[in-house]
N, C-alpha and C. Protein backbone atom coordinates (compact mmCIF):
# COMPACT_ATOMS: atom_id res chain seq x y z
N MET A 1 104.15 104.72 61.57
CA MET A 1 105.71 104.74 61.44
C MET A 1 106.50 105.99 61.33
N GLY A 2 107.56 105.87 62.15
CA GLY A 2 108.06 107.12 62.77
C GLY A 2 109.41 107.01 61.20
N ALA A 3 110.00 108.40 61.32
CA ALA A 3 111.33 108.23 59.71
C ALA A 3 112.26 107.77 60.44
N MET A 4 112.39 106.96 59.82
CA MET A 4 114.02 106.17 60.22
C MET A 4 115.48 107.42 61.07
N ARG A 5 115.09 108.26 60.36
CA ARG A 5 116.25 109.76 60.65
C ARG A 5 116.35 110.91 60.89
N LYS A 6 116.36 111.74 61.44
CA LYS A 6 115.75 113.53 60.70
C LYS A 6 117.23 114.31 60.28
N ILE A 7 116.90 114.35 59.45
CA ILE A 7 117.94 115.42 58.56
C ILE A 7 117.61 117.11 58.97
N ILE A 8 118.70 117.52 59.25
CA ILE A 8 119.22 118.79 60.42
C ILE A 8 120.02 119.35 58.67
N PHE A 9 119.71 120.74 58.67
CA PHE A 9 120.29 121.89 57.72
C PHE A 9 122.12 122.74 58.87
N TYR A 10 122.92 122.89 58.45
CA TYR A 10 123.66 123.32 58.71
C TYR A 10 123.16 124.91 58.90
N ARG A 11 123.79 125.59 60.25
CA ARG A 11 123.64 127.00 59.81
C ARG A 11 124.90 127.33 60.31
N THR A 12 125.06 128.88 60.06
CA THR A 12 126.78 129.60 60.14
C THR A 12 126.61 130.15 61.85
N ALA A 13 127.10 130.54 62.00
CA ALA A 13 127.26 131.46 63.35
C ALA A 13 126.23 131.99 63.60
N SER A 14 126.50 133.51 62.52
CA SER A 14 125.53 133.97 62.52
C SER A 14 123.85 133.55 62.85
N GLY A 15 123.97 132.27 62.62
CA GLY A 15 121.93 131.95 62.27
C GLY A 15 121.83 131.60 60.60
N LYS A 16 122.35 132.27 59.76
CA LYS A 16 122.05 131.93 58.56
C LYS A 16 122.29 131.01 57.79
N ASN A 17 121.20 130.30 56.84
CA ASN A 17 120.94 128.97 56.76
C ASN A 17 121.32 128.65 55.01
N PRO A 18 122.42 128.22 54.95
CA PRO A 18 122.13 128.26 53.92
C PRO A 18 121.86 127.11 52.50
N ILE A 19 121.21 125.78 53.49
CA ILE A 19 120.58 124.59 53.13
C ILE A 19 119.32 125.26 52.41
N GLY A 20 118.86 125.72 53.49
CA GLY A 20 117.66 126.42 52.79
C GLY A 20 117.26 127.63 51.75
N ASP A 21 118.37 128.61 52.24
CA ASP A 21 118.57 129.38 50.78
C ASP A 21 118.92 128.59 49.62
N PHE A 22 119.84 127.98 49.36
CA PHE A 22 120.03 126.89 48.15
C PHE A 22 118.25 126.88 47.59
N LEU A 23 117.68 125.77 48.71
CA LEU A 23 116.59 125.29 48.01
C LEU A 23 115.64 126.58 47.54
N ASP A 24 115.43 127.07 48.45
CA ASP A 24 114.62 128.64 47.98
C ASP A 24 114.88 128.91 46.56
N GLN A 25 116.01 128.79 46.11
CA GLN A 25 116.45 129.36 44.59
C GLN A 25 116.19 128.73 43.75
N LEU A 26 115.99 127.24 43.95
CA LEU A 26 114.75 126.23 42.93
C LEU A 26 113.61 126.48 42.94
N PRO A 27 113.53 126.65 41.71
CA PRO A 27 112.14 126.83 40.79
C PRO A 27 111.28 125.41 41.61
N ALA A 28 109.96 125.53 41.57
CA ALA A 28 109.25 124.54 42.13
C ALA A 28 109.10 123.05 42.15
N LYS A 29 109.31 122.91 40.85
CA LYS A 29 109.53 121.06 40.16
C LYS A 29 111.02 120.64 40.75
N PRO A 30 111.96 121.47 40.22
CA PRO A 30 113.35 120.43 41.07
C PRO A 30 113.60 121.07 42.45
N ALA A 31 112.43 121.55 43.40
CA ALA A 31 112.79 121.86 44.42
C ALA A 31 112.17 120.57 45.11
N GLN A 32 110.59 120.25 44.34
CA GLN A 32 109.73 119.29 45.06
C GLN A 32 110.83 117.74 44.94
N LYS A 33 111.37 117.36 43.58
CA LYS A 33 112.28 116.71 43.25
C LYS A 33 113.61 116.46 44.46
N VAL A 34 114.20 117.31 45.37
CA VAL A 34 114.85 117.34 45.96
C VAL A 34 114.40 117.23 47.21
N THR A 35 113.53 117.59 47.17
CA THR A 35 113.20 117.34 49.09
C THR A 35 112.71 115.81 49.16
N TRP A 36 112.16 114.85 47.88
CA TRP A 36 111.37 114.21 47.86
C TRP A 36 113.02 113.15 48.37
N VAL A 37 113.86 113.58 47.44
CA VAL A 37 114.67 112.62 47.78
C VAL A 37 115.54 112.82 49.49
N LEU A 38 115.48 114.13 50.32
CA LEU A 38 115.96 114.36 50.85
C LEU A 38 114.85 113.68 52.10
N GLN A 39 113.07 113.34 51.96
CA GLN A 39 112.37 113.06 52.62
C GLN A 39 112.87 111.13 52.32
N LEU A 40 113.10 110.74 50.91
CA LEU A 40 113.60 109.43 51.40
C LEU A 40 114.62 108.73 52.59
N VAL A 41 115.54 109.49 52.75
CA VAL A 41 116.51 109.37 53.54
C VAL A 41 116.17 109.53 54.37
N GLU A 42 115.15 110.38 54.93
CA GLU A 42 114.32 110.31 56.12
C GLU A 42 113.62 108.82 56.59
N ASP A 43 112.81 108.71 55.45
CA ASP A 43 111.64 107.76 55.61
C ASP A 43 112.70 105.90 55.25
N LEU A 44 113.38 106.30 54.52
CA LEU A 44 113.78 103.96 54.33
C LEU A 44 115.19 104.03 54.93
N GLU A 45 115.22 102.59 55.88
CA GLU A 45 116.11 102.31 56.31
C GLU A 45 116.70 101.94 55.45
N LYS A 46 116.84 101.21 54.45
CA LYS A 46 117.97 101.38 53.11
C LYS A 46 117.68 102.12 52.42
N VAL A 47 118.37 103.62 52.02
CA VAL A 47 118.08 104.07 50.55
C VAL A 47 119.20 103.86 49.71
N PRO A 48 118.61 103.46 48.31
CA PRO A 48 119.77 103.22 46.89
C PRO A 48 120.63 104.45 46.64
N SER A 49 121.93 103.19 46.39
CA SER A 49 123.44 104.42 46.65
C SER A 49 123.07 105.52 45.62
N LYS A 50 122.23 105.33 44.88
CA LYS A 50 121.46 106.36 43.77
C LYS A 50 121.09 107.22 44.51
N TYR A 51 120.73 107.65 45.44
CA TYR A 51 120.43 108.30 45.62
C TYR A 51 121.46 109.41 47.44
N PHE A 52 121.79 107.94 48.16
CA PHE A 52 122.58 108.38 49.52
C PHE A 52 123.54 107.21 49.42
N LYS A 53 124.87 108.17 49.27
CA LYS A 53 126.09 107.58 49.12
C LYS A 53 126.87 107.75 50.60
N LYS A 54 128.00 106.84 50.35
CA LYS A 54 129.34 107.24 51.34
C LYS A 54 130.14 107.64 50.79
N LEU A 55 130.95 109.28 50.35
CA LEU A 55 132.14 109.44 49.86
C LEU A 55 133.34 108.87 49.84
N VAL A 56 133.89 108.50 49.05
CA VAL A 56 135.25 108.13 49.69
C VAL A 56 136.13 108.88 50.22
N ASN A 57 137.23 108.77 50.36
CA ASN A 57 138.47 109.42 50.87
C ASN A 57 138.15 110.69 51.37
N THR A 58 137.16 110.64 52.25
CA THR A 58 136.41 111.76 53.01
C THR A 58 136.50 111.63 54.88
N GLN A 59 135.85 112.69 54.70
CA GLN A 59 135.90 112.54 56.70
C GLN A 59 134.55 112.08 57.03
N ASP A 60 133.85 110.94 56.79
CA ASP A 60 133.24 110.14 56.72
C ASP A 60 131.47 111.14 56.17
N LEU A 61 131.90 111.41 55.01
CA LEU A 61 130.29 112.73 54.48
C LEU A 61 129.54 112.03 53.90
N TRP A 62 128.83 111.79 53.34
CA TRP A 62 127.73 111.01 53.02
C TRP A 62 127.20 112.18 51.80
N GLU A 63 126.97 112.03 50.58
CA GLU A 63 126.49 112.49 49.17
C GLU A 63 125.01 112.05 48.57
N ILE A 64 123.93 112.58 48.55
CA ILE A 64 122.85 112.96 48.41
C ILE A 64 122.40 113.29 47.36
N ARG A 65 122.29 112.75 46.38
CA ARG A 65 122.00 112.89 44.81
C ARG A 65 120.11 112.87 44.44
N ALA A 66 120.41 114.03 43.34
CA ALA A 66 118.81 114.50 43.00
C ALA A 66 118.55 114.83 41.84
N SER A 67 118.30 114.80 41.21
CA SER A 67 117.96 115.28 39.68
C SER A 67 116.56 115.09 39.07
N ALA A 68 116.48 116.34 38.18
CA ALA A 68 115.43 116.42 37.43
C ALA A 68 115.09 117.35 36.20
N GLY A 69 114.87 116.58 35.25
CA GLY A 69 114.68 116.95 34.09
C GLY A 69 116.46 116.43 34.05
N SER A 70 117.12 117.52 33.28
CA SER A 70 118.96 117.87 33.12
C SER A 70 119.47 118.24 33.86
N ASN A 71 118.81 118.84 34.98
CA ASN A 71 119.48 119.42 36.16
C ASN A 71 120.20 118.53 37.26
N ILE A 72 121.02 118.46 38.04
CA ILE A 72 121.77 117.16 39.20
C ILE A 72 122.39 118.43 40.49
N PHE A 73 121.80 117.70 41.11
CA PHE A 73 121.65 118.55 42.37
C PHE A 73 122.43 117.28 43.69
N ARG A 74 123.42 117.58 43.94
CA ARG A 74 124.43 117.49 45.27
C ARG A 74 124.34 117.80 46.52
N LEU A 75 124.05 117.32 47.89
CA LEU A 75 123.51 118.11 49.14
C LEU A 75 125.11 116.82 49.67
N ILE A 76 125.65 117.38 50.50
CA ILE A 76 126.59 116.97 51.47
C ILE A 76 126.59 116.81 53.06
N GLY A 77 126.45 115.35 53.41
CA GLY A 77 126.31 116.04 54.63
C GLY A 77 126.75 114.92 55.51
N PHE A 78 126.59 114.63 57.11
CA PHE A 78 127.75 113.59 57.59
C PHE A 78 126.38 113.31 58.94
N PHE A 79 126.83 111.95 59.54
CA PHE A 79 126.23 111.53 60.60
C PHE A 79 126.17 112.62 61.78
N ASP A 80 125.33 112.67 62.08
CA ASP A 80 125.74 112.81 63.67
C ASP A 80 124.89 112.15 64.97
N GLY A 81 125.75 110.84 65.14
CA GLY A 81 124.61 110.32 66.04
C GLY A 81 124.11 109.20 64.58
N PRO A 82 123.37 108.00 64.82
CA PRO A 82 123.18 106.24 64.72
C PRO A 82 121.96 107.46 63.33
N ASN A 83 121.10 108.56 63.88
CA ASN A 83 120.26 108.79 62.94
C ASN A 83 119.36 110.15 62.61
N VAL A 84 120.88 111.03 62.91
CA VAL A 84 120.75 112.31 62.32
C VAL A 84 121.60 112.76 61.70
N VAL A 85 121.14 113.36 60.22
CA VAL A 85 121.76 113.78 59.22
C VAL A 85 121.85 115.09 59.14
N ILE A 86 122.92 115.69 59.44
CA ILE A 86 123.45 117.08 59.15
C ILE A 86 124.08 117.84 57.67
N ILE A 87 123.20 118.32 56.79
CA ILE A 87 123.75 118.77 55.06
C ILE A 87 123.83 119.85 55.67
N ALA A 88 125.37 119.42 54.79
CA ALA A 88 126.19 121.15 55.47
C ALA A 88 126.54 121.44 54.44
N HIS A 89 126.26 121.17 52.54
CA HIS A 89 127.04 122.01 51.79
C HIS A 89 125.66 121.20 50.36
N SER A 90 125.75 122.09 49.88
CA SER A 90 124.79 122.02 48.94
C SER A 90 124.99 122.33 47.80
N PHE A 91 124.90 121.94 46.16
CA PHE A 91 125.16 122.91 44.87
C PHE A 91 124.50 121.93 43.62
N GLN A 92 124.51 122.87 43.00
CA GLN A 92 124.34 121.73 41.42
C GLN A 92 125.26 121.66 40.53
N LYS A 93 125.07 120.36 39.97
CA LYS A 93 126.39 119.36 39.86
C LYS A 93 126.81 120.26 38.06
N LYS A 94 127.27 119.96 37.85
CA LYS A 94 128.13 120.17 36.52
C LYS A 94 129.25 119.08 35.73
N THR A 95 129.31 118.41 36.87
CA THR A 95 130.61 117.53 36.00
C THR A 95 130.16 116.85 37.31
N GLN A 96 130.41 114.94 36.91
CA GLN A 96 130.30 113.84 37.25
C GLN A 96 131.32 113.31 38.39
N LYS A 97 132.44 114.02 38.27
CA LYS A 97 132.77 113.94 40.35
C LYS A 97 132.38 115.00 41.10
N THR A 98 132.73 114.79 42.01
CA THR A 98 132.18 115.80 43.28
C THR A 98 133.28 116.81 43.51
N PRO A 99 133.22 118.19 43.00
CA PRO A 99 134.31 119.05 43.45
C PRO A 99 134.87 118.92 44.91
N LYS A 100 136.33 118.65 44.40
CA LYS A 100 137.12 118.87 45.58
C LYS A 100 136.66 119.98 47.29
N ARG A 101 136.33 121.35 46.16
CA ARG A 101 135.95 122.66 47.21
C ARG A 101 134.94 122.08 47.74
N SER A 102 134.18 121.14 47.44
CA SER A 102 132.32 120.57 47.61
C SER A 102 132.55 120.19 49.35
N ILE A 103 133.32 119.28 48.71
CA ILE A 103 134.17 118.21 50.24
C ILE A 103 134.47 119.21 50.55
N LYS A 104 135.51 120.08 50.75
CA LYS A 104 136.07 120.58 51.87
C LYS A 104 135.74 121.56 52.78
N ILE A 105 134.61 121.89 51.86
CA ILE A 105 133.77 123.24 52.77
C ILE A 105 132.76 122.43 53.48
N ALA A 106 132.05 121.17 52.90
CA ALA A 106 131.61 120.46 54.18
C ALA A 106 132.36 120.25 55.05
N GLU A 107 133.42 119.28 54.89
CA GLU A 107 134.36 118.84 55.87
C GLU A 107 134.81 120.25 57.08
N GLU A 108 135.14 121.19 56.76
CA GLU A 108 135.29 122.18 57.89
C GLU A 108 133.62 122.91 58.51
N ARG A 109 132.69 122.62 57.79
CA ARG A 109 131.53 122.99 58.36
C ARG A 109 130.95 121.83 59.57
N LYS A 110 131.86 120.51 59.03
CA LYS A 110 131.28 119.60 60.11
C LYS A 110 131.85 119.89 61.43
N LYS A 111 132.94 120.59 61.32
CA LYS A 111 134.17 120.52 62.53
C LYS A 111 133.24 121.82 63.48
N THR A 112 132.46 122.14 62.84
CA THR A 112 131.45 123.29 63.57
C THR A 112 130.37 122.93 64.38
N ILE A 113 130.07 121.91 64.03
CA ILE A 113 128.40 121.58 63.65
C ILE A 113 128.37 121.13 65.58
N LEU A 114 127.57 120.79 66.60
CA LEU A 114 126.87 119.93 66.59
C LEU A 114 125.33 120.13 67.05
N GLY A 115 124.79 119.18 66.81
CA GLY A 115 123.81 118.66 66.25
C GLY A 115 122.73 118.32 67.56
N GLY A 116 121.41 117.28 66.78
CA GLY A 116 120.01 117.24 68.29
C GLY A 116 119.15 117.94 68.10
N LYS A 117 118.97 118.47 67.45
CA LYS A 117 117.51 119.34 67.42
C LYS A 117 115.91 118.55 67.41
N ASP A 118 114.45 119.23 68.22
CA ASP A 118 113.56 118.25 68.15
C ASP A 118 113.32 117.94 67.02
N MET A 119 113.10 118.86 65.86
CA MET A 119 112.06 119.30 64.70
C MET A 119 112.89 118.51 63.88
N SER A 120 112.96 117.79 62.07
CA SER A 120 113.54 117.87 61.06
C SER A 120 113.95 119.30 60.48
N ASP A 121 114.65 119.61 60.47
CA ASP A 121 114.79 120.86 59.52
C ASP A 121 114.06 120.85 58.22
N LEU A 122 114.27 119.76 57.30
CA LEU A 122 113.70 119.34 56.14
C LEU A 122 111.65 119.34 56.44
N GLN A 123 111.68 118.80 57.59
CA GLN A 123 109.71 119.04 57.34
C GLN A 123 109.47 120.40 57.40
N LYS A 124 110.78 121.35 58.03
CA LYS A 124 109.99 122.51 58.80
C LYS A 124 110.12 123.27 57.16
N TYR A 125 110.96 122.91 56.52
CA TYR A 125 111.52 123.78 55.10
C TYR A 125 110.13 123.11 54.53
N ILE A 126 110.03 122.11 53.60
CA ILE A 126 108.29 121.76 53.55
C ILE A 126 107.50 122.72 54.32
N LYS A 127 107.06 122.42 55.00
CA LYS A 127 105.62 122.91 55.91
C LYS A 127 105.86 124.41 55.48
N LYS A 128 106.75 125.36 55.20
CA LYS A 128 107.36 126.40 55.46
C LYS A 128 106.56 126.75 53.72
N ARG A 129 107.64 126.19 52.75
CA ARG A 129 107.46 126.07 51.29
C ARG A 129 106.61 125.75 50.87
N LYS A 130 105.85 124.63 51.20
CA LYS A 130 104.25 124.71 50.80
C LYS A 130 103.50 125.87 51.14
N SER A 131 103.20 126.27 52.41
CA SER A 131 102.94 128.07 52.72
C SER A 131 102.80 129.45 51.54
N ARG A 132 104.24 129.14 51.52
CA ARG A 132 103.99 130.11 50.07
C ARG A 132 104.96 130.06 49.39
N ASP A 133 104.36 128.49 48.10
CA ASP A 133 105.09 128.13 47.43
C ASP A 133 103.32 126.99 46.75
N ASN A 134 102.36 128.07 45.96
CA ASN A 134 101.25 127.14 45.53
C ASN A 134 102.01 126.05 44.41
N LYS A 135 103.25 126.36 43.51
CA LYS A 135 103.28 125.57 42.60
C LYS A 135 104.16 124.10 43.49
N PHE A 136 104.77 124.76 44.48
CA PHE A 136 105.44 123.83 44.99
C PHE A 136 105.07 122.88 46.10
N ALA A 137 103.51 124.11 46.40
CA ALA A 137 102.53 122.53 47.72
C ALA A 137 101.47 122.16 46.10
N ALA A 138 101.73 122.30 44.94
CA ALA A 138 100.32 121.06 44.29
C ALA A 138 101.12 119.66 44.29
N GLY A 139 100.30 118.71 44.83
CA GLY A 139 100.45 117.49 44.59
C GLY A 139 101.75 117.27 45.07
N TYR A 140 102.67 118.25 46.07
CA TYR A 140 103.99 117.54 46.42
C TYR A 140 103.62 115.84 47.19
N ASP A 141 102.86 116.19 47.91
CA ASP A 141 102.86 114.80 49.06
C ASP A 141 102.22 113.17 47.74
N THR A 142 101.37 113.65 46.66
CA THR A 142 100.90 112.42 46.23
C THR A 142 101.99 111.94 45.74
N GLY A 143 102.82 113.15 44.82
CA GLY A 143 104.39 113.09 44.13
C GLY A 143 104.93 112.12 44.48
N TYR A 144 105.43 112.46 46.39
CA TYR A 144 106.36 111.83 47.52
C TYR A 144 105.93 110.67 47.18
N GLU A 145 104.59 110.26 47.74
CA GLU A 145 104.86 108.78 47.94
C GLU A 145 104.87 107.93 46.43
N GLN A 146 104.12 108.94 45.55
CA GLN A 146 104.49 107.53 43.82
C GLN A 146 105.85 107.86 43.67
N PHE A 147 106.87 108.48 44.11
CA PHE A 147 108.38 108.09 43.97
C PHE A 147 108.40 107.33 44.77
N LYS A 148 108.34 107.70 45.96
CA LYS A 148 108.82 106.58 47.23
C LYS A 148 108.55 105.45 46.85
N ILE A 149 107.12 104.65 46.36
CA ILE A 149 107.01 103.68 45.72
C ILE A 149 107.59 102.85 45.00
N GLY A 150 108.41 103.72 43.84
CA GLY A 150 108.82 103.52 42.57
C GLY A 150 110.33 103.63 43.07
N VAL A 151 110.73 103.95 43.79
CA VAL A 151 112.20 103.74 44.56
C VAL A 151 112.35 102.20 45.60
N ILE A 152 110.77 101.76 46.11
CA ILE A 152 111.00 100.76 46.71
C ILE A 152 110.53 99.56 45.96
N LEU A 153 109.92 99.58 44.70
CA LEU A 153 109.94 98.56 43.85
C LEU A 153 111.13 98.26 43.26
N LYS A 154 111.73 98.97 42.72
CA LYS A 154 113.14 99.26 42.53
C LYS A 154 114.19 98.35 42.80
N LYS A 155 114.01 98.47 44.35
CA LYS A 155 115.24 98.59 45.09
C LYS A 155 114.53 96.47 45.44
N ALA A 156 113.29 96.15 45.51
CA ALA A 156 112.71 94.88 45.81
C ALA A 156 112.98 93.62 43.95
N ARG A 157 112.82 94.86 43.25
CA ARG A 157 113.15 93.70 41.97
C ARG A 157 114.74 93.66 42.48
N GLU A 158 115.85 94.85 42.02
CA GLU A 158 117.42 94.65 42.68
C GLU A 158 117.45 93.43 43.15
N ASP A 159 116.74 93.44 44.52
CA ASP A 159 117.09 93.18 45.70
C ASP A 159 116.56 91.23 45.05
N ALA A 160 115.89 91.28 44.12
CA ALA A 160 115.57 89.87 43.91
C ALA A 160 116.19 88.94 42.80
N GLY A 161 117.50 90.08 42.12
CA GLY A 161 118.01 89.68 40.90
C GLY A 161 117.08 90.33 39.75
N LEU A 162 116.29 90.92 39.96
CA LEU A 162 115.61 90.78 38.52
C LEU A 162 115.68 91.85 37.71
N THR A 163 115.93 92.18 36.51
CA THR A 163 116.43 92.60 35.55
C THR A 163 114.62 93.02 35.28
N GLN A 164 114.59 94.92 34.76
CA GLN A 164 113.12 95.21 34.74
C GLN A 164 112.41 93.80 33.02
N GLU A 165 113.30 93.44 32.09
CA GLU A 165 112.65 92.39 31.04
C GLU A 165 111.84 91.52 31.81
N GLU A 166 112.87 90.87 33.00
CA GLU A 166 112.39 89.56 33.30
C GLU A 166 111.12 89.88 34.15
N LEU A 167 110.96 90.86 35.11
CA LEU A 167 110.00 91.26 35.71
C LEU A 167 108.91 91.95 34.82
N ALA A 168 109.02 92.49 33.76
CA ALA A 168 107.98 92.35 32.93
C ALA A 168 107.32 91.04 32.61
N ALA A 169 108.20 89.67 32.10
CA ALA A 169 108.00 88.84 31.22
C ALA A 169 106.58 88.25 32.48
N LYS A 170 107.67 87.89 34.05
CA LYS A 170 106.85 87.79 34.56
C LYS A 170 105.44 88.34 35.01
N LEU A 171 105.14 89.17 33.97
CA LEU A 171 103.61 90.14 34.76
C LEU A 171 103.11 90.11 33.49
N ASN A 172 103.48 89.50 32.21
CA ASN A 172 103.17 89.55 31.18
C ASN A 172 102.80 91.48 30.49
N THR A 173 103.76 92.20 30.56
CA THR A 173 104.23 93.49 30.26
C THR A 173 105.12 93.38 29.63
N LYS A 174 105.32 95.03 29.39
CA LYS A 174 106.30 95.44 28.26
C LYS A 174 107.16 96.31 29.90
N LYS A 175 108.82 95.99 29.55
CA LYS A 175 109.86 96.71 30.31
C LYS A 175 109.04 98.37 30.53
N SER A 176 109.00 98.69 29.08
CA SER A 176 108.68 100.27 29.88
C SER A 176 107.55 100.66 30.40
N ALA A 177 106.58 100.17 30.68
CA ALA A 177 105.37 99.44 31.78
C ALA A 177 106.54 99.69 33.65
N ILE A 178 107.43 98.87 33.11
CA ILE A 178 108.24 98.28 34.74
C ILE A 178 109.08 99.88 35.41
N SER A 179 109.81 100.08 33.92
CA SER A 179 109.98 101.44 34.05
C SER A 179 109.50 102.64 34.40
N ARG A 180 108.42 103.15 34.15
CA ARG A 180 107.53 103.89 34.33
C ARG A 180 107.25 104.07 35.94
N ILE A 181 106.60 102.84 35.95
CA ILE A 181 106.40 102.92 37.78
C ILE A 181 107.70 102.83 38.53
N GLU A 182 108.49 102.22 38.24
CA GLU A 182 109.97 102.61 38.59
C GLU A 182 110.57 103.93 39.43
N ASN A 183 110.18 104.98 38.11
CA ASN A 183 110.31 106.33 37.78
C ASN A 183 109.42 107.29 38.83
N HIS A 184 108.16 106.77 38.58
CA HIS A 184 107.32 107.50 39.73
C HIS A 184 106.39 107.04 39.40
N ALA A 185 105.34 106.12 40.37
CA ALA A 185 104.54 104.97 40.21
C ALA A 185 103.15 106.33 40.34
N GLU A 186 102.75 106.84 39.17
CA GLU A 186 101.84 107.27 38.91
C GLU A 186 100.76 106.60 38.75
N ASP A 187 99.38 106.85 39.38
CA ASP A 187 98.02 106.60 39.77
C ASP A 187 98.75 104.69 39.56
N ILE A 188 99.17 103.92 40.18
CA ILE A 188 98.97 102.69 40.39
C ILE A 188 98.05 101.96 41.18
N LYS A 189 97.85 100.58 40.22
CA LYS A 189 96.34 100.35 41.07
C LYS A 189 97.16 99.00 42.49
N LEU A 190 96.13 99.04 43.50
CA LEU A 190 96.66 98.17 44.24
C LEU A 190 96.80 97.12 44.29
N SER A 191 96.30 96.30 42.91
CA SER A 191 96.23 95.05 42.50
C SER A 191 97.41 95.49 41.53
N THR A 192 97.86 96.33 40.95
CA THR A 192 99.56 96.13 40.46
C THR A 192 100.38 95.72 41.55
N LEU A 193 100.51 96.74 42.34
CA LEU A 193 101.62 96.36 43.53
C LEU A 193 101.30 95.17 43.79
N GLY A 194 100.39 94.46 44.07
CA GLY A 194 99.96 93.43 44.81
C GLY A 194 100.31 91.94 43.80
N LYS A 195 100.44 91.77 42.65
CA LYS A 195 100.75 91.73 41.45
C LYS A 195 102.18 91.74 41.66
N ILE A 196 103.42 93.23 41.98
CA ILE A 196 104.59 93.41 41.53
C ILE A 196 105.32 92.52 42.74
N ALA A 197 105.19 92.72 43.72
CA ALA A 197 104.67 92.20 44.76
C ALA A 197 104.95 90.51 44.95
N ASN A 198 103.70 90.03 44.14
CA ASN A 198 104.36 88.03 44.28
C ASN A 198 104.94 88.13 43.14
N ALA A 199 105.19 88.48 42.37
CA ALA A 199 106.28 88.56 40.69
C ALA A 199 107.74 88.42 41.63
N LEU A 200 107.74 89.05 42.66
CA LEU A 200 108.85 89.34 43.35
C LEU A 200 109.48 88.03 44.83
N GLY A 201 108.49 87.66 45.25
CA GLY A 201 108.40 86.48 45.97
C GLY A 201 108.35 87.71 47.24
N LYS A 202 107.73 89.05 47.44
CA LYS A 202 107.18 89.42 48.02
C LYS A 202 106.08 89.86 48.70
N GLU A 203 105.32 90.24 50.01
CA GLU A 203 104.25 90.47 50.38
C GLU A 203 103.65 91.38 50.75
N LEU A 204 103.21 92.03 50.30
CA LEU A 204 102.41 93.50 49.89
C LEU A 204 101.57 94.06 51.54
N ARG A 205 102.16 94.83 52.22
CA ARG A 205 101.26 95.31 53.34
C ARG A 205 100.91 96.52 53.09
N LEU A 206 99.59 96.76 54.01
CA LEU A 206 98.98 97.94 53.76
C LEU A 206 99.09 98.36 55.52
N GLU A 207 99.67 99.59 55.71
CA GLU A 207 99.42 100.40 57.14
C GLU A 207 98.68 101.51 56.69
N VAL A 208 97.91 101.92 57.98
CA VAL A 208 97.10 102.71 58.44
C VAL A 208 97.78 103.49 59.28
N ALA A 209 98.54 104.69 59.03
CA ALA A 209 98.58 105.62 60.38
C ALA A 209 98.08 106.33 60.80
């Protein structure tokens, strides 16, 4: 199954890549988390609004939200056609509201952009960072899949109208166990996934690509 979208990084007229530079400045673990969230935007048809949300009162800008520990990161972008998301600006967030200055930067950059490249800049960045940063590369792919499974399960639970407590009761387990799975489904068994899917009235499907 191919990606639902392609992420492109804004570049200046001189060829500088401020989004890549921003990611490069992050330590390995926060950089992993931010790129995992960006991968969700590429991979999932419906991305939870916790991670990807349209900004009101802007020129059709969208905000990608990621957090790692107490650090909060925001990336602002826009669609170029139905399937290409161009990331125009990125920053570490220190307030609840998205700064007006950051919105203005993204809107100005939007005016200068023409998209439509062959390969996702996100995938290029991940490949390059893995090759030179062992800490970033360590457990990256497995960690992303576990993170994505947790996000998908949380959305399925919310779509079914169940709280974590209600799902835990159906599975004869504790709310804390459901919370752990939804935050990062580490080492989760297929049998457990199947039980959760059944409790949500869903069918678990495996795909070998």
